[in-house]
Amino acid sequence: MTLVNEAAYLYVFSKKLLKITEQLRKLRHKAETHAQEQRRSKDHKQRNSHFQKQAKTADKIKEKQQEYTQTLQELRRHQVAFAGQLQKEMKG
């Protein structure tokens, strides 16, 4: 691929990584809120409800972390390709 294409891939994957990071931050805040509500609630039913919500949010966090890892791997792959292409163009 050309240097411009690799740069475009780097841009797109970096934007995607930032978006996932923001989603993870929101999900972590949501999970912490459910944990606090679980600790505050005196009723067993409410406590169980918040526990289940926190568990669902934790599952979403795990999925987003996997997506983050895959996106980071793609970003690294294109960064290496970009560096190689840059060296090619610098030589000739």
N, C-alpha and C. Protein backbone atom coordinates (compact mmCIF):
# COMPACT_ATOMS: atom_id res chain seq x y z
N MET A 1 0.83 -1.18 0.00
CA MET A 1 0.00 0.00 0.00
C MET A 1 0.88 1.24 0.00
N THR A 2 0.27 2.33 -0.35
CA THR A 2 1.02 3.57 -0.38
C THR A 2 1.10 4.17 1.02
N LEU A 3 1.98 5.12 1.12
CA LEU A 3 2.18 5.80 2.40
C LEU A 3 0.90 6.52 2.84
N VAL A 4 0.20 7.09 1.89
CA VAL A 4 -1.04 7.81 2.19
C VAL A 4 -2.11 6.85 2.72
N ASN A 5 -2.20 5.68 2.11
CA ASN A 5 -3.18 4.69 2.57
C ASN A 5 -2.87 4.23 4.00
N GLU A 6 -1.61 3.98 4.27
CA GLU A 6 -1.24 3.55 5.62
C GLU A 6 -1.51 4.66 6.63
N ALA A 7 -1.25 5.89 6.24
CA ALA A 7 -1.54 7.02 7.13
C ALA A 7 -3.04 7.12 7.40
N ALA A 8 -3.83 6.87 6.38
CA ALA A 8 -5.28 6.89 6.54
C ALA A 8 -5.74 5.79 7.50
N TYR A 9 -5.16 4.60 7.35
CA TYR A 9 -5.50 3.52 8.27
C TYR A 9 -5.12 3.89 9.70
N LEU A 10 -3.96 4.48 9.88
CA LEU A 10 -3.53 4.89 11.22
C LEU A 10 -4.52 5.90 11.81
N TYR A 11 -4.97 6.83 11.00
CA TYR A 11 -5.92 7.83 11.47
C TYR A 11 -7.24 7.19 11.88
N VAL A 12 -7.75 6.32 11.02
CA VAL A 12 -9.05 5.69 11.29
C VAL A 12 -8.98 4.82 12.55
N PHE A 13 -7.92 4.02 12.67
CA PHE A 13 -7.82 3.14 13.83
C PHE A 13 -7.55 3.92 15.11
N SER A 14 -6.83 5.03 15.02
CA SER A 14 -6.61 5.83 16.22
C SER A 14 -7.91 6.47 16.68
N LYS A 15 -8.75 6.93 15.73
CA LYS A 15 -10.05 7.48 16.10
C LYS A 15 -10.94 6.41 16.74
N LYS A 16 -10.90 5.21 16.17
CA LYS A 16 -11.70 4.11 16.72
C LYS A 16 -11.23 3.77 18.13
N LEU A 17 -9.91 3.79 18.34
CA LEU A 17 -9.35 3.50 19.65
C LEU A 17 -9.78 4.56 20.67
N LEU A 18 -9.80 5.81 20.27
CA LEU A 18 -10.26 6.87 21.17
C LEU A 18 -11.74 6.69 21.53
N LYS A 19 -12.53 6.28 20.56
CA LYS A 19 -13.96 6.07 20.79
C LYS A 19 -14.17 4.92 21.79
N ILE A 20 -13.44 3.84 21.60
CA ILE A 20 -13.56 2.70 22.51
C ILE A 20 -13.10 3.07 23.91
N THR A 21 -12.04 3.86 23.99
CA THR A 21 -11.54 4.31 25.29
C THR A 21 -12.59 5.11 26.03
N GLU A 22 -13.27 5.99 25.32
CA GLU A 22 -14.33 6.79 25.94
C GLU A 22 -15.49 5.91 26.40
N GLN A 23 -15.85 4.92 25.59
CA GLN A 23 -16.92 3.99 25.97
C GLN A 23 -16.52 3.19 27.20
N LEU A 24 -15.26 2.76 27.27
CA LEU A 24 -14.79 2.03 28.44
C LEU A 24 -14.85 2.89 29.69
N ARG A 25 -14.48 4.16 29.56
CA ARG A 25 -14.53 5.07 30.70
C ARG A 25 -15.96 5.20 31.22
N LYS A 26 -16.91 5.35 30.32
CA LYS A 26 -18.31 5.47 30.71
C LYS A 26 -18.82 4.19 31.36
N LEU A 27 -18.44 3.04 30.78
CA LEU A 27 -18.88 1.77 31.34
C LEU A 27 -18.30 1.54 32.73
N ARG A 28 -17.04 1.90 32.92
CA ARG A 28 -16.42 1.74 34.24
C ARG A 28 -17.11 2.61 35.27
N HIS A 29 -17.46 3.82 34.87
CA HIS A 29 -18.18 4.71 35.78
C HIS A 29 -19.55 4.12 36.13
N LYS A 30 -20.21 3.56 35.14
CA LYS A 30 -21.52 2.95 35.35
C LYS A 30 -21.41 1.76 36.30
N ALA A 31 -20.38 0.94 36.12
CA ALA A 31 -20.20 -0.22 36.99
C ALA A 31 -19.90 0.22 38.42
N GLU A 32 -19.11 1.26 38.57
CA GLU A 32 -18.80 1.76 39.91
C GLU A 32 -20.05 2.33 40.57
N THR A 33 -20.90 2.98 39.80
CA THR A 33 -22.15 3.51 40.34
C THR A 33 -23.04 2.37 40.84
N HIS A 34 -23.13 1.30 40.05
CA HIS A 34 -23.94 0.15 40.49
C HIS A 34 -23.35 -0.49 41.74
N ALA A 35 -22.03 -0.54 41.83
CA ALA A 35 -21.40 -1.11 43.02
C ALA A 35 -21.70 -0.26 44.25
N GLN A 36 -21.68 1.06 44.10
CA GLN A 36 -22.00 1.94 45.21
C GLN A 36 -23.46 1.78 45.62
N GLU A 37 -24.33 1.71 44.64
CA GLU A 37 -25.76 1.52 44.94
C GLU A 37 -25.99 0.17 45.62
N GLN A 38 -25.25 -0.82 45.21
CA GLN A 38 -25.39 -2.13 45.83
C GLN A 38 -24.97 -2.07 47.30
N ARG A 39 -23.88 -1.37 47.57
CA ARG A 39 -23.41 -1.25 48.96
C ARG A 39 -24.39 -0.44 49.81
N ARG A 40 -25.03 0.57 49.22
CA ARG A 40 -25.95 1.44 49.97
C ARG A 40 -27.31 0.81 50.23
N SER A 41 -27.75 -0.05 49.35
CA SER A 41 -29.12 -0.57 49.46
C SER A 41 -29.24 -1.51 50.65
N LYS A 42 -30.36 -1.37 51.31
CA LYS A 42 -30.62 -2.18 52.49
C LYS A 42 -31.53 -3.36 52.16
N ASP A 43 -32.31 -3.20 51.12
CA ASP A 43 -33.23 -4.24 50.69
C ASP A 43 -32.47 -5.27 49.86
N HIS A 44 -32.69 -6.53 50.14
CA HIS A 44 -31.99 -7.61 49.44
C HIS A 44 -32.34 -7.62 47.95
N LYS A 45 -33.58 -7.32 47.62
CA LYS A 45 -34.01 -7.32 46.22
C LYS A 45 -33.28 -6.24 45.42
N GLN A 46 -33.19 -5.04 45.99
CA GLN A 46 -32.47 -3.97 45.30
C GLN A 46 -30.97 -4.28 45.20
N ARG A 47 -30.42 -4.84 46.25
CA ARG A 47 -29.01 -5.20 46.24
C ARG A 47 -28.71 -6.21 45.13
N ASN A 48 -29.59 -7.20 45.00
CA ASN A 48 -29.42 -8.19 43.96
C ASN A 48 -29.57 -7.57 42.57
N SER A 49 -30.51 -6.65 42.44
CA SER A 49 -30.73 -5.97 41.17
C SER A 49 -29.48 -5.20 40.74
N HIS A 50 -28.89 -4.46 41.67
CA HIS A 50 -27.68 -3.69 41.34
C HIS A 50 -26.50 -4.62 41.06
N PHE A 51 -26.47 -5.73 41.75
CA PHE A 51 -25.41 -6.71 41.50
C PHE A 51 -25.50 -7.25 40.07
N GLN A 52 -26.72 -7.56 39.65
CA GLN A 52 -26.91 -8.07 38.28
C GLN A 52 -26.58 -7.00 37.24
N LYS A 53 -26.95 -5.76 37.51
CA LYS A 53 -26.62 -4.68 36.58
C LYS A 53 -25.11 -4.48 36.49
N GLN A 54 -24.44 -4.59 37.63
CA GLN A 54 -22.99 -4.45 37.63
C GLN A 54 -22.34 -5.61 36.86
N ALA A 55 -22.89 -6.81 37.00
CA ALA A 55 -22.35 -7.97 36.29
C ALA A 55 -22.52 -7.81 34.78
N LYS A 56 -23.68 -7.30 34.34
CA LYS A 56 -23.91 -7.07 32.91
C LYS A 56 -22.95 -6.01 32.38
N THR A 57 -22.75 -4.98 33.16
CA THR A 57 -21.82 -3.92 32.75
C THR A 57 -20.40 -4.46 32.69
N ALA A 58 -20.04 -5.33 33.61
CA ALA A 58 -18.70 -5.93 33.59
C ALA A 58 -18.51 -6.78 32.34
N ASP A 59 -19.55 -7.47 31.92
CA ASP A 59 -19.47 -8.25 30.68
C ASP A 59 -19.27 -7.33 29.47
N LYS A 60 -19.97 -6.21 29.47
CA LYS A 60 -19.81 -5.24 28.38
C LYS A 60 -18.39 -4.68 28.37
N ILE A 61 -17.84 -4.45 29.56
CA ILE A 61 -16.46 -3.96 29.67
C ILE A 61 -15.48 -4.97 29.09
N LYS A 62 -15.69 -6.24 29.38
CA LYS A 62 -14.81 -7.28 28.84
C LYS A 62 -14.87 -7.32 27.32
N GLU A 63 -16.08 -7.19 26.76
CA GLU A 63 -16.23 -7.18 25.30
C GLU A 63 -15.51 -5.98 24.70
N LYS A 64 -15.67 -4.82 25.32
CA LYS A 64 -15.01 -3.61 24.82
C LYS A 64 -13.49 -3.71 24.94
N GLN A 65 -13.01 -4.37 26.00
CA GLN A 65 -11.58 -4.54 26.15
C GLN A 65 -11.02 -5.45 25.06
N GLN A 66 -11.77 -6.46 24.69
CA GLN A 66 -11.35 -7.33 23.59
C GLN A 66 -11.32 -6.55 22.28
N GLU A 67 -12.34 -5.73 22.06
CA GLU A 67 -12.39 -4.89 20.86
C GLU A 67 -11.22 -3.91 20.86
N TYR A 68 -10.90 -3.36 22.04
CA TYR A 68 -9.77 -2.44 22.18
C TYR A 68 -8.47 -3.14 21.81
N THR A 69 -8.29 -4.35 22.30
CA THR A 69 -7.07 -5.12 22.02
C THR A 69 -6.94 -5.41 20.53
N GLN A 70 -8.02 -5.81 19.89
CA GLN A 70 -7.98 -6.09 18.45
C GLN A 70 -7.67 -4.84 17.65
N THR A 71 -8.28 -3.73 18.04
CA THR A 71 -8.03 -2.47 17.34
C THR A 71 -6.58 -2.03 17.53
N LEU A 72 -6.06 -2.21 18.73
CA LEU A 72 -4.67 -1.85 19.00
C LEU A 72 -3.72 -2.71 18.18
N GLN A 73 -4.02 -3.98 18.01
CA GLN A 73 -3.19 -4.85 17.18
C GLN A 73 -3.21 -4.39 15.73
N GLU A 74 -4.38 -4.03 15.22
CA GLU A 74 -4.48 -3.51 13.86
C GLU A 74 -3.70 -2.21 13.70
N LEU A 75 -3.80 -1.37 14.70
CA LEU A 75 -3.08 -0.10 14.67
C LEU A 75 -1.57 -0.34 14.64
N ARG A 76 -1.09 -1.26 15.45
CA ARG A 76 0.34 -1.58 15.46
C ARG A 76 0.78 -2.16 14.12
N ARG A 77 -0.04 -3.01 13.55
CA ARG A 77 0.30 -3.63 12.26
C ARG A 77 0.44 -2.55 11.18
N HIS A 78 -0.49 -1.62 11.16
CA HIS A 78 -0.42 -0.56 10.16
C HIS A 78 0.70 0.44 10.47
N GLN A 79 1.05 0.59 11.73
CA GLN A 79 2.16 1.46 12.07
C GLN A 79 3.46 0.90 11.54
N VAL A 80 3.63 -0.41 11.65
CA VAL A 80 4.82 -1.08 11.11
C VAL A 80 4.85 -0.96 9.59
N ALA A 81 3.70 -1.16 8.96
CA ALA A 81 3.61 -1.03 7.51
C ALA A 81 3.90 0.41 7.07
N PHE A 82 3.41 1.37 7.85
CA PHE A 82 3.67 2.78 7.55
C PHE A 82 5.16 3.08 7.63
N ALA A 83 5.81 2.59 8.67
CA ALA A 83 7.24 2.82 8.84
C ALA A 83 8.03 2.19 7.68
N GLY A 84 7.64 0.98 7.28
CA GLY A 84 8.31 0.33 6.17
C GLY A 84 8.12 1.09 4.87
N GLN A 85 6.91 1.54 4.63
CA GLN A 85 6.61 2.29 3.42
C GLN A 85 7.34 3.63 3.42
N LEU A 86 7.47 4.25 4.58
CA LEU A 86 8.18 5.52 4.69
C LEU A 86 9.66 5.32 4.35
N GLN A 87 10.24 4.23 4.83
CA GLN A 87 11.64 3.94 4.51
C GLN A 87 11.83 3.70 3.02
N LYS A 88 10.89 3.00 2.39
CA LYS A 88 10.96 2.75 0.95
C LYS A 88 10.96 4.06 0.18
N GLU A 89 10.05 4.94 0.56
CA GLU A 89 9.96 6.21 -0.16
C GLU A 89 11.14 7.12 0.09
N MET A 90 11.75 7.00 1.26
CA MET A 90 12.92 7.82 1.56
C MET A 90 14.14 7.37 0.74
N LYS A 91 14.22 6.06 0.45
CA LYS A 91 15.33 5.52 -0.33
C LYS A 91 15.24 5.93 -1.79
N GLY A 92 14.07 5.85 -2.33
CA GLY A 92 14.01 6.06 -3.77
C GLY A 92 12.92 6.91 -4.15
